[in-house]
C-alpha atoms as a PDB file:
ATOM      1  CA  UNK A   1      53.537 159.974 134.484  1.00  0.00           C
ATOM      2  CA  UNK A   2      55.254 157.089 136.243  1.00  0.00           C
ATOM      3  CA  UNK A   3      56.546 158.040 139.712  1.00  0.00           C
ATOM      4  CA  UNK A   4      59.824 156.558 140.794  1.00  0.00           C
ATOM      5  CA  UNK A   5      60.466 155.069 144.223  1.00  0.00           C
ATOM      6  CA  UNK A   6      64.200 154.738 143.532  1.00  0.00           C
ATOM      7  CA  UNK A   7      66.433 156.019 140.781  1.00  0.00           C
ATOM      8  CA  UNK A   8      70.160 155.339 140.333  1.00  0.00           C
ATOM      9  CA  UNK A   9      72.176 157.503 137.937  1.00  0.00           C
ATOM     10  CA  UNK A  10      75.660 156.280 137.053  1.00  0.00           C
ATOM     11  CA  UNK A  11      76.185 154.963 140.605  1.00  0.00           C
ATOM     12  CA  UNK A  12      79.529 153.286 141.194  1.00  0.00           C
ATOM     13  CA  UNK A  13      80.843 151.628 144.332  1.00  0.00           C
ATOM     14  CA  UNK A  14      84.389 150.333 144.668  1.00  0.00           C
ATOM     15  CA  UNK A  15      84.789 147.173 146.690  1.00  0.00           C
ATOM     16  CA  UNK A  16      88.122 145.662 147.613  1.00  0.00           C
ATOM     17  CA  UNK A  17      88.121 143.086 144.825  1.00  0.00           C
ATOM     18  CA  UNK A  18      85.568 144.496 142.389  1.00  0.00           C
ATOM     19  CA  UNK A  19      83.649 147.492 141.137  1.00  0.00           C
ATOM     20  CA  UNK A  20      79.867 147.691 141.392  1.00  0.00           C
ATOM     21  CA  UNK A  21      78.480 149.766 138.520  1.00  0.00           C
ATOM     22  CA  UNK A  22      78.056 152.168 137.007  1.00  0.00           C
ATOM     23  CA  UNK A  23      74.432 151.398 137.817  1.00  0.00           C
ATOM     24  CA  UNK A  24      71.510 153.039 136.086  1.00  0.00           C
ATOM     25  CA  UNK A  25      68.081 151.916 137.271  1.00  0.00           C
ATOM     26  CA  UNK A  26      64.561 153.256 137.821  1.00  0.00           C
ATOM     27  CA  UNK A  27      62.155 151.444 140.138  1.00  0.00           C
ATOM     28  CA  UNK A  28      58.530 152.561 139.799  1.00  0.00           C
ATOM     29  CA  UNK A  29      56.266 153.101 142.805  1.00  0.00           C
ATOM     30  CA  UNK A  30      53.542 150.660 143.679  1.00  0.00           C
ATOM     31  CA  UNK A  31      55.200 147.422 142.459  1.00  0.00           C
ATOM     32  CA  UNK A  32      57.047 144.414 143.778  1.00  0.00           C
ATOM     33  CA  UNK A  33      60.454 144.246 142.142  1.00  0.00           C
ATOM     34  CA  UNK A  34      62.724 141.188 142.437  1.00  0.00           C
ATOM     35  CA  UNK A  35      66.472 141.811 142.470  1.00  0.00           C
ATOM     36  CA  UNK A  36      68.100 138.644 141.278  1.00  0.00           C
ATOM     37  CA  UNK A  37      71.642 137.507 140.497  1.00  0.00           C
ATOM     38  CA  UNK A  38      74.336 135.116 141.542  1.00  0.00           C
ATOM     39  CA  UNK A  39      76.165 135.461 144.864  1.00  0.00           C
ATOM     40  CA  UNK A  40      78.633 138.312 144.572  1.00  0.00           C
ATOM     41  CA  UNK A  41      76.763 140.072 141.766  1.00  0.00           C
ATOM     42  CA  UNK A  42      76.312 143.232 143.897  1.00  0.00           C
ATOM     43  CA  UNK A  43      72.740 142.847 145.210  1.00  0.00           C
ATOM     44  CA  UNK A  44      73.600 143.381 148.888  1.00  0.00           C
ATOM     45  CA  UNK A  45      75.790 146.354 148.049  1.00  0.00           C
ATOM     46  CA  UNK A  46      72.966 147.932 146.148  1.00  0.00           C
ATOM     47  CA  UNK A  47      70.591 147.509 149.092  1.00  0.00           C
ATOM     48  CA  UNK A  48      73.186 148.968 151.475  1.00  0.00           C
ATOM     49  CA  UNK A  49      73.554 152.053 149.225  1.00  0.00           C
ATOM     50  CA  UNK A  50      69.743 152.476 149.153  1.00  0.00           C
ATOM     51  CA  UNK A  51      69.811 152.547 152.954  1.00  0.00           C
ATOM     52  CA  UNK A  52      72.894 154.774 153.040  1.00  0.00           C
ATOM     53  CA  UNK A  53      74.712 152.151 155.085  1.00  0.00           C
ATOM     54  CA  UNK A  54      77.463 152.657 152.527  1.00  0.00           C
ATOM     55  CA  UNK A  55      77.905 155.392 149.963  1.00  0.00           C
ATOM     56  CA  UNK A  56      78.893 155.275 146.297  1.00  0.00           C
ATOM     57  CA  UNK A  57      82.106 156.864 145.015  1.00  0.00           C
ATOM     58  CA  UNK A  58      80.229 158.348 142.066  1.00  0.00           C
ATOM     59  CA  UNK A  59      76.716 158.904 140.753  1.00  0.00           C
ATOM     60  CA  UNK A  60      73.421 159.918 142.263  1.00  0.00           C
ATOM     61  CA  UNK A  61      70.658 158.041 144.058  1.00  0.00           C
ATOM     62  CA  UNK A  62      67.164 159.563 144.341  1.00  0.00           C
ATOM     63  CA  UNK A  63      64.450 158.384 146.732  1.00  0.00           C
ATOM     64  CA  UNK A  64      60.902 159.321 145.626  1.00  0.00           C
ATOM     65  CA  UNK A  65      62.267 161.945 143.217  1.00  0.00           C
ATOM     66  CA  UNK A  66      64.521 163.508 145.896  1.00  0.00           C
ATOM     67  CA  UNK A  67      68.301 163.704 146.007  1.00  0.00           C
ATOM     68  CA  UNK A  68      69.342 162.933 149.609  1.00  0.00           C
ATOM     69  CA  UNK A  69      73.129 162.989 149.284  1.00  0.00           C
ATOM     70  CA  UNK A  70      73.447 164.678 152.681  1.00  0.00           C
ATOM     71  CA  UNK A  71      71.326 161.988 154.307  1.00  0.00           C
ATOM     72  CA  UNK A  72      67.793 160.694 153.923  1.00  0.00           C
ATOM     73  CA  UNK A  73      65.479 163.095 155.853  1.00  0.00           C
ATOM     74  CA  UNK A  74      63.755 161.649 158.876  1.00  0.00           C
ATOM     75  CA  UNK A  75      60.265 161.928 157.428  1.00  0.00           C
ATOM     76  CA  UNK A  76      61.399 159.995 154.323  1.00  0.00           C
ATOM     77  CA  UNK A  77      63.412 157.428 156.309  1.00  0.00           C
ATOM     78  CA  UNK A  78      60.350 156.736 158.475  1.00  0.00           C
ATOM     79  CA  UNK A  79      58.643 155.430 155.341  1.00  0.00           C
ATOM     80  CA  UNK A  80      61.414 152.942 154.567  1.00  0.00           C
ATOM     81  CA  UNK A  81      61.858 149.599 156.316  1.00  0.00           C
ATOM     82  CA  UNK A  82      64.505 146.915 155.838  1.00  0.00           C
ATOM     83  CA  UNK A  83      64.729 143.199 156.601  1.00  0.00           C
ATOM     84  CA  UNK A  84      68.396 142.174 156.407  1.00  0.00           C
ATOM     85  CA  UNK A  85      69.555 138.673 155.549  1.00  0.00           C
ATOM     86  CA  UNK A  86      71.378 138.382 158.924  1.00  0.00           C
ATOM     87  CA  UNK A  87      69.363 139.437 161.980  1.00  0.00           C
ATOM     88  CA  UNK A  88      70.598 142.391 164.007  1.00  0.00           C
ATOM     89  CA  UNK A  89      71.978 141.464 167.465  1.00  0.00           C
ATOM     90  CA  UNK A  90      70.858 144.659 169.200  1.00  0.00           C
ATOM     91  CA  UNK A  91      67.343 143.291 169.802  1.00  0.00           C
ATOM     92  CA  UNK A  92      68.390 139.824 170.977  1.00  0.00           C
ATOM     93  CA  UNK A  93      67.504 140.390 174.640  1.00  0.00           C
ATOM     94  CA  UNK A  94      64.002 141.723 173.852  1.00  0.00           C
ATOM     95  CA  UNK A  95      60.782 139.868 173.232  1.00  0.00           C
ATOM     96  CA  UNK A  96      58.797 140.598 170.114  1.00  0.00           C
ATOM     97  CA  UNK A  97      56.545 142.967 172.040  1.00  0.00           C
ATOM     98  CA  UNK A  98      59.479 144.823 173.598  1.00  0.00           C
ATOM     99  CA  UNK A  99      61.274 145.196 170.258  1.00  0.00           C
ATOM    100  CA  UNK A 100      57.992 146.411 168.701  1.00  0.00           C
ATOM    101  CA  UNK A 101      57.566 149.042 171.414  1.00  0.00           C
ATOM    102  CA  UNK A 102      61.049 150.397 170.713  1.00  0.00           C
ATOM    103  CA  UNK A 103      60.486 150.452 166.961  1.00  0.00           C
ATOM    104  CA  UNK A 104      57.173 152.221 167.323  1.00  0.00           C
ATOM    105  CA  UNK A 105      59.030 155.293 168.630  1.00  0.00           C
ATOM    106  CA  UNK A 106      60.822 155.636 165.307  1.00  0.00           C
ATOM    107  CA  UNK A 107      57.859 154.987 163.023  1.00  0.00           C
ATOM    108  CA  UNK A 108      54.905 157.372 163.492  1.00  0.00           C
ATOM    109  CA  UNK A 109      52.709 155.176 161.284  1.00  0.00           C
ATOM    110  CA  UNK A 110      53.358 152.111 163.506  1.00  0.00           C
ATOM    111  CA  UNK A 111      50.230 149.928 163.579  1.00  0.00           C
ATOM    112  CA  UNK A 112      50.158 147.860 166.795  1.00  0.00           C
ATOM    113  CA  UNK A 113      46.957 146.025 165.947  1.00  0.00           C
ATOM    114  CA  UNK A 114      48.361 145.024 162.542  1.00  0.00           C
ATOM    115  CA  UNK A 115      51.607 143.947 164.174  1.00  0.00           C
ATOM    116  CA  UNK A 116      49.751 141.620 166.572  1.00  0.00           C
ATOM    117  CA  UNK A 117      47.616 140.322 163.715  1.00  0.00           C
ATOM    118  CA  UNK A 118      50.761 139.454 161.789  1.00  0.00           C
ATOM    119  CA  UNK A 119      52.344 137.765 164.833  1.00  0.00           C
ATOM    120  CA  UNK A 120      49.270 135.554 165.111  1.00  0.00           C
ATOM    121  CA  UNK A 121      49.107 134.911 161.374  1.00  0.00           C
ATOM    122  CA  UNK A 122      52.800 133.997 161.147  1.00  0.00           C
ATOM    123  CA  UNK A 123      52.766 132.106 164.476  1.00  0.00           C
ATOM    124  CA  UNK A 124      55.537 134.099 166.110  1.00  0.00           C
ATOM    125  CA  UNK A 125      56.040 132.996 169.750  1.00  0.00           C
ATOM    126  CA  UNK A 126      55.320 135.583 172.477  1.00  0.00           C
ATOM    127  CA  UNK A 127      57.281 136.270 175.643  1.00  0.00           C
ATOM    128  CA  UNK A 128      60.510 134.762 174.397  1.00  0.00           C
ATOM    129  CA  UNK A 129      63.662 136.663 173.679  1.00  0.00           C
ATOM    130  CA  UNK A 130      64.401 137.220 169.995  1.00  0.00           C
ATOM    131  CA  UNK A 131      67.893 135.829 170.494  1.00  0.00           C
ATOM    132  CA  UNK A 132      66.316 132.514 171.697  1.00  0.00           C
ATOM    133  CA  UNK A 133      64.030 132.150 168.669  1.00  0.00           C
ATOM    134  CA  UNK A 134      64.760 129.829 165.802  1.00  0.00           C
ATOM    135  CA  UNK A 135      65.992 131.440 162.632  1.00  0.00           C
ATOM    136  CA  UNK A 136      62.578 131.041 161.040  1.00  0.00           C
ATOM    137  CA  UNK A 137      60.725 132.484 164.054  1.00  0.00           C
ATOM    138  CA  UNK A 138      63.065 135.482 164.109  1.00  0.00           C
ATOM    139  CA  UNK A 139      62.579 136.070 160.407  1.00  0.00           C
ATOM    140  CA  UNK A 140      58.787 136.039 160.825  1.00  0.00           C
ATOM    141  CA  UNK A 141      59.030 138.641 163.577  1.00  0.00           C
ATOM    142  CA  UNK A 142      61.188 140.875 161.352  1.00  0.00           C
ATOM    143  CA  UNK A 143      58.751 140.682 158.461  1.00  0.00           C
ATOM    144  CA  UNK A 144      55.829 141.472 160.779  1.00  0.00           C
ATOM    145  CA  UNK A 145      57.705 144.406 162.336  1.00  0.00           C
ATOM    146  CA  UNK A 146      58.713 145.774 158.911  1.00  0.00           C
ATOM    147  CA  UNK A 147      55.145 145.711 157.683  1.00  0.00           C
ATOM    148  CA  UNK A 148      53.688 147.112 160.906  1.00  0.00           C
ATOM    149  CA  UNK A 149      55.706 150.300 160.379  1.00  0.00           C
ATOM    150  CA  UNK A 150      53.444 150.880 157.346  1.00  0.00           C
ATOM    151  CA  UNK A 151      56.355 151.599 154.993  1.00  0.00           C
ATOM    152  CA  UNK A 152      56.135 153.312 151.655  1.00  0.00           C
ATOM    153  CA  UNK A 153      59.249 151.358 150.574  1.00  0.00           C
ATOM    154  CA  UNK A 154      60.172 147.934 151.931  1.00  0.00           C
ATOM    155  CA  UNK A 155      63.595 146.402 151.266  1.00  0.00           C
ATOM    156  CA  UNK A 156      63.944 142.670 151.811  1.00  0.00           C
ATOM    157  CA  UNK A 157      67.262 140.801 151.652  1.00  0.00           C
ATOM    158  CA  UNK A 158      66.632 137.027 151.212  1.00  0.00           C
ATOM    159  CA  UNK A 159      63.443 137.092 153.308  1.00  0.00           C
ATOM    160  CA  UNK A 160      62.805 133.352 152.907  1.00  0.00           C
ATOM    161  CA  UNK A 161      65.953 132.441 154.870  1.00  0.00           C
ATOM    162  CA  UNK A 162      64.990 130.036 157.611  1.00  0.00           C
ATOM    163  CA  UNK A 163      61.286 129.820 156.714  1.00  0.00           C
ATOM    164  CA  UNK A 164      59.530 126.445 156.349  1.00  0.00           C
ATOM    165  CA  UNK A 165      57.154 126.036 153.347  1.00  0.00           C
ATOM    166  CA  UNK A 166      54.042 126.905 155.423  1.00  0.00           C
ATOM    167  CA  UNK A 167      55.570 130.080 156.840  1.00  0.00           C
ATOM    168  CA  UNK A 168      56.931 130.968 153.393  1.00  0.00           C
ATOM    169  CA  UNK A 169      53.433 130.794 151.908  1.00  0.00           C
ATOM    170  CA  UNK A 170      52.017 133.043 154.660  1.00  0.00           C
ATOM    171  CA  UNK A 171      54.834 135.555 154.117  1.00  0.00           C
ATOM    172  CA  UNK A 172      54.061 135.647 150.394  1.00  0.00           C
ATOM    173  CA  UNK A 173      50.382 136.265 151.123  1.00  0.00           C
ATOM    174  CA  UNK A 174      51.164 139.023 153.662  1.00  0.00           C
ATOM    175  CA  UNK A 175      53.526 140.843 151.329  1.00  0.00           C
ATOM    176  CA  UNK A 176      51.216 140.689 148.371  1.00  0.00           C
ATOM    177  CA  UNK A 177      48.249 141.882 150.401  1.00  0.00           C
ATOM    178  CA  UNK A 178      50.198 144.785 151.936  1.00  0.00           C
ATOM    179  CA  UNK A 179      51.403 145.962 148.516  1.00  0.00           C
ATOM    180  CA  UNK A 180      47.946 145.739 147.024  1.00  0.00           C
ATOM    181  CA  UNK A 181      46.259 147.597 149.874  1.00  0.00           C
ATOM    182  CA  UNK A 182      48.882 150.323 150.326  1.00  0.00           C
ATOM    183  CA  UNK A 183      50.335 150.937 146.902  1.00  0.00           C
ATOM    184  CA  UNK A 184      53.734 150.336 148.480  1.00  0.00           C
ATOM    185  CA  UNK A 185      56.985 149.524 146.670  1.00  0.00           C
ATOM    186  CA  UNK A 186      58.775 146.303 147.659  1.00  0.00           C
ATOM    187  CA  UNK A 187      62.311 145.534 146.519  1.00  0.00           C
ATOM    188  CA  UNK A 188      63.203 141.934 147.311  1.00  0.00           C
ATOM    189  CA  UNK A 189      66.662 140.434 146.846  1.00  0.00           C
ATOM    190  CA  UNK A 190      66.224 136.690 146.436  1.00  0.00           C
ATOM    191  CA  UNK A 191      67.633 133.582 144.808  1.00  0.00           C
ATOM    192  CA  UNK A 192      64.315 131.666 145.229  1.00  0.00           C
ATOM    193  CA  UNK A 193      62.868 131.409 141.741  1.00  0.00           C
ATOM    194  CA  UNK A 194      59.415 130.454 143.016  1.00  0.00           C
ATOM    195  CA  UNK A 195      59.454 133.578 145.199  1.00  0.00           C
ATOM    196  CA  UNK A 196      60.067 135.686 142.088  1.00  0.00           C
ATOM    197  CA  UNK A 197      57.360 133.859 140.213  1.00  0.00           C
ATOM    198  CA  UNK A 198      54.754 134.296 142.958  1.00  0.00           C
ATOM    199  CA  UNK A 199      55.557 137.903 143.986  1.00  0.00           C
ATOM    200  CA  UNK A 200      57.354 140.017 141.432  1.00  0.00           C
ATOM    201  CA  UNK A 201      55.877 142.409 138.900  1.00  0.00           C
ATOM    202  CA  UNK A 202      59.337 143.240 137.554  1.00  0.00           C
ATOM    203  CA  UNK A 203      62.716 141.503 137.603  1.00  0.00           C
ATOM    204  CA  UNK A 204      66.025 143.390 137.836  1.00  0.00           C
ATOM    205  CA  UNK A 205      69.005 141.181 136.934  1.00  0.00           C
ATOM    206  CA  UNK A 206      72.461 141.896 138.311  1.00  0.00           C
ATOM    207  CA  UNK A 207      75.559 140.121 137.033  1.00  0.00           C
ATOM    208  CA  UNK A 208      79.201 140.745 137.876  1.00  0.00           C
ATOM    209  CA  UNK A 209      78.490 144.133 139.437  1.00  0.00           C
ATOM    210  CA  UNK A 210      76.257 145.363 136.619  1.00  0.00           C
ATOM    211  CA  UNK A 211      72.546 145.843 136.198  1.00  0.00           C
ATOM    212  CA  UNK A 212      71.636 144.003 132.998  1.00  0.00           C
ATOM    213  CA  UNK A 213      68.221 145.626 132.899  1.00  0.00           C
ATOM    214  CA  UNK A 214      64.647 145.330 134.160  1.00  0.00           C
ATOM    215  CA  UNK A 215      61.973 143.181 132.553  1.00  0.00           C
ATOM    216  CA  UNK A 216      58.319 142.647 133.254  1.00  0.00           C
ATOM    217  CA  UNK A 217      58.128 139.185 134.745  1.00  0.00           C
ATOM    218  CA  UNK A 218      55.115 138.018 132.786  1.00  0.00           C
ATOM    219  CA  UNK A 219      56.753 138.953 129.511  1.00  0.00           C
ATOM    220  CA  UNK A 220      59.449 136.332 130.087  1.00  0.00           C
ATOM    221  CA  UNK A 221      57.125 133.341 130.118  1.00  0.00           C
ATOM    222  CA  UNK A 222      56.841 131.666 126.738  1.00  0.00           C
ATOM    223  CA  UNK A 223      59.670 133.813 125.380  1.00  0.00           C
ATOM    224  CA  UNK A 224      62.140 130.931 124.894  1.00  0.00           C
ATOM    225  CA  UNK A 225      61.405 127.294 123.982  1.00  0.00           C
ATOM    226  CA  UNK A 226      63.395 124.112 123.874  1.00  0.00           C
ATOM    227  CA  UNK A 227      62.379 122.174 120.773  1.00  0.00           C
ATOM    228  CA  UNK A 228      62.963 118.543 119.678  1.00  0.00           C
ATOM    229  CA  UNK A 229      62.993 117.631 116.014  1.00  0.00           C
ATOM    230  CA  UNK A 230      63.670 114.584 113.851  1.00  0.00           C
ATOM    231  CA  UNK A 231      67.118 114.844 112.360  1.00  0.00           C
ATOM    232  CA  UNK A 232      68.964 111.942 110.704  1.00  0.00           C
ATOM    233  CA  UNK A 233      72.592 112.726 111.538  1.00  0.00           C
ATOM    234  CA  UNK A 234      75.111 115.392 112.511  1.00  0.00           C
ATOM    235  CA  UNK A 235      75.349 116.740 108.923  1.00  0.00           C
ATOM    236  CA  UNK A 236      71.588 117.275 108.740  1.00  0.00           C
ATOM    237  CA  UNK A 237      71.701 118.882 112.199  1.00  0.00           C
ATOM    238  CA  UNK A 238      74.323 121.410 111.048  1.00  0.00           C
ATOM    239  CA  UNK A 239      72.376 122.225 107.875  1.00  0.00           C
ATOM    240  CA  UNK A 240      69.230 122.840 109.868  1.00  0.00           C
ATOM    241  CA  UNK A 241      71.093 124.953 112.475  1.00  0.00           C
ATOM    242  CA  UNK A 242      72.493 127.078 109.626  1.00  0.00           C
ATOM    243  CA  UNK A 243      68.924 127.804 108.467  1.00  0.00           C
ATOM    244  CA  UNK A 244      68.126 129.425 111.846  1.00  0.00           C
ATOM    245  CA  UNK A 245      71.095 131.526 112.998  1.00  0.00           C
ATOM    246  CA  UNK A 246      69.313 132.926 116.038  1.00  0.00           C
ATOM    247  CA  UNK A 247      68.821 129.530 117.625  1.00  0.00           C
ATOM    248  CA  UNK A 248      71.009 128.044 120.374  1.00  0.00           C
ATOM    249  CA  UNK A 249      72.368 124.809 121.804  1.00  0.00           C
ATOM    250  CA  UNK A 250      71.803 122.421 118.902  1.00  0.00           C
ATOM    251  CA  UNK A 251      72.380 118.895 120.254  1.00  0.00           C
ATOM    252  CA  UNK A 252      71.902 115.356 118.960  1.00  0.00           C
ATOM    253  CA  UNK A 253      69.933 113.770 121.756  1.00  0.00           C
ATOM    254  CA  UNK A 254      69.455 110.270 120.321  1.00  0.00           C
ATOM    255  CA  UNK A 255      69.882 108.811 116.857  1.00  0.00           C
ATOM    256  CA  UNK A 256      67.331 110.577 114.707  1.00  0.00           C
ATOM    257  CA  UNK A 257      66.464 113.291 117.246  1.00  0.00           C
ATOM    258  CA  UNK A 258      67.980 116.653 118.120  1.00  0.00           C
ATOM    259  CA  UNK A 259      67.090 119.572 120.312  1.00  0.00           C
ATOM    260  CA  UNK A 260      67.700 123.316 120.227  1.00  0.00           C
ATOM    261  CA  UNK A 261      66.641 126.482 122.068  1.00  0.00           C
ATOM    262  CA  UNK A 262      64.952 129.376 120.330  1.00  0.00           C
ATOM    263  CA  UNK A 263      63.196 132.648 121.074  1.00  0.00           C
ATOM    264  CA  UNK A 264      59.658 133.073 119.675  1.00  0.00           C
ATOM    265  CA  UNK A 265      59.324 129.525 118.433  1.00  0.00           C
ATOM    266  CA  UNK A 266      55.996 130.260 116.762  1.00  0.00           C
ATOM    267  CA  UNK A 267      57.790 132.527 114.284  1.00  0.00           C
ATOM    268  CA  UNK A 268      59.949 129.694 112.862  1.00  0.00           C
ATOM    269  CA  UNK A 269      57.752 126.602 113.430  1.00  0.00           C
ATOM    270  CA  UNK A 270      56.132 126.730 109.969  1.00  0.00           C
ATOM    271  CA  UNK A 271      59.505 127.252 108.241  1.00  0.00           C
ATOM    272  CA  UNK A 272      60.824 124.135 110.019  1.00  0.00           C
ATOM    273  CA  UNK A 273      57.847 122.100 108.823  1.00  0.00           C
ATOM    274  CA  UNK A 274      58.235 123.481 105.304  1.00  0.00           C
ATOM    275  CA  UNK A 275      61.730 122.072 105.283  1.00  0.00           C
ATOM    276  CA  UNK A 276      60.262 118.639 105.884  1.00  0.00           C
ATOM    277  CA  UNK A 277      61.441 118.399 109.465  1.00  0.00           C
ATOM    278  CA  UNK A 278      59.093 116.896 112.002  1.00  0.00           C
ATOM    279  CA  UNK A 279      58.739 118.716 115.311  1.00  0.00           C
ATOM    280  CA  UNK A 280      58.520 116.080 118.030  1.00  0.00           C
ATOM    281  CA  UNK A 281      57.731 118.343 120.954  1.00  0.00           C
ATOM    282  CA  UNK A 282      58.549 121.698 122.563  1.00  0.00           C
ATOM    283  CA  UNK A 283      58.494 123.231 126.031  1.00  0.00           C
ATOM    284  CA  UNK A 284      58.711 126.728 127.426  1.00  0.00           C
ATOM    285  CA  UNK A 285      61.899 127.374 129.344  1.00  0.00           C
ATOM    286  CA  UNK A 286      61.626 127.842 133.125  1.00  0.00           C
ATOM    287  CA  UNK A 287      62.304 131.225 134.679  1.00  0.00           C
ATOM    288  CA  UNK A 288      65.720 130.219 135.994  1.00  0.00           C
ATOM    289  CA  UNK A 289      66.742 129.022 132.529  1.00  0.00           C
ATOM    290  CA  UNK A 290      65.623 132.335 130.989  1.00  0.00           C
ATOM    291  CA  UNK A 291      67.630 134.287 133.574  1.00  0.00           C
ATOM    292  CA  UNK A 292      70.651 132.176 132.785  1.00  0.00           C
ATOM    293  CA  UNK A 293      70.339 133.004 129.103  1.00  0.00           C
ATOM    294  CA  UNK A 294      69.991 136.633 129.980  1.00  0.00           C
ATOM    295  CA  UNK A 295      73.335 136.624 131.827  1.00  0.00           C
ATOM    296  CA  UNK A 296      74.868 135.091 128.703  1.00  0.00           C
ATOM    297  CA  UNK A 297      73.768 138.117 126.669  1.00  0.00           C
ATOM    298  CA  UNK A 298      70.425 136.867 125.281  1.00  0.00           C
ATOM    299  CA  UNK A 299      68.487 139.884 126.364  1.00  0.00           C
ATOM    300  CA  UNK A 300      64.663 139.874 126.681  1.00  0.00           C
ATOM    301  CA  UNK A 301      62.506 142.916 125.982  1.00  0.00           C
ATOM    302  CA  UNK A 302      63.409 145.352 128.733  1.00  0.00           C
ATOM    303  CA  UNK A 303      61.223 147.926 130.436  1.00  0.00           C
ATOM    304  CA  UNK A 304      61.764 151.476 129.251  1.00  0.00           C
ATOM    305  CA  UNK A 305      60.144 153.773 131.808  1.00  0.00           C
ATOM    306  CA  UNK A 306      61.075 156.793 129.743  1.00  0.00           C
ATOM    307  CA  UNK A 307      58.570 155.590 127.183  1.00  0.00           C
ATOM    308  CA  UNK A 308      56.061 154.595 129.851  1.00  0.00           C
ATOM    309  CA  UNK A 309      56.445 150.787 129.205  1.00  0.00           C
END
């Protein structure tokens, strides 16, 4: 049976200008899950509700199969760490070592040797106040501190913010290694498609305050194709488009050539050729293009944890 790290049941949060939800979502333990969506889609609000920094007006949230409406118990909270998009100011006057010492009081699993290893690996400066660090240096400290607490659940809000490409790669490696070695659950809110591609096992898509579903990342690759074919004119283009009602975005690119977008191209390729139409070329859509189609209502195969998918 699949164990859940987080479960939302009909959760609704009223913001001043919009409603988030109702949200229904199950996040399985032991995976990296990317929470993606446009700015304002509700991602940050969802993370805040998971941390009980804000509370929903309706619905239920469960952490590791437990309902904690009265507050997440200390022993459970000590297994959850969070890296916010904007750094907290309370630690600005401390060095990395001083901040780590304070945090270690709250996390009984705190691993000092692992923390120092991560500081070295991520090249975090020592003996400098956190408030004097660059944005990237501060972010590297926060990631190191979050992992050193040895969390069971790690929540990351735009963790790449401020990181250069070299630090970003090291962060990716550290997160993946931690998850693999500890069977932890990582929920990462990000708009960096390459981050999703490199890290995520599953993708949760939010759009206009709604969860559109969760899909296995690898199942999205090769799902949609853009195809170019030889077509003489607009009339022939329309006739061909009518033959394939599930296809999208038919466009005359140049005289004699048109393009369209289709799901499962291999299922219609022979039919196109049987109609005497020459396929010039095709390409698989990129992940960001697939996510855009998803927000438009072209839904991929979603994960159904009730069935054990």
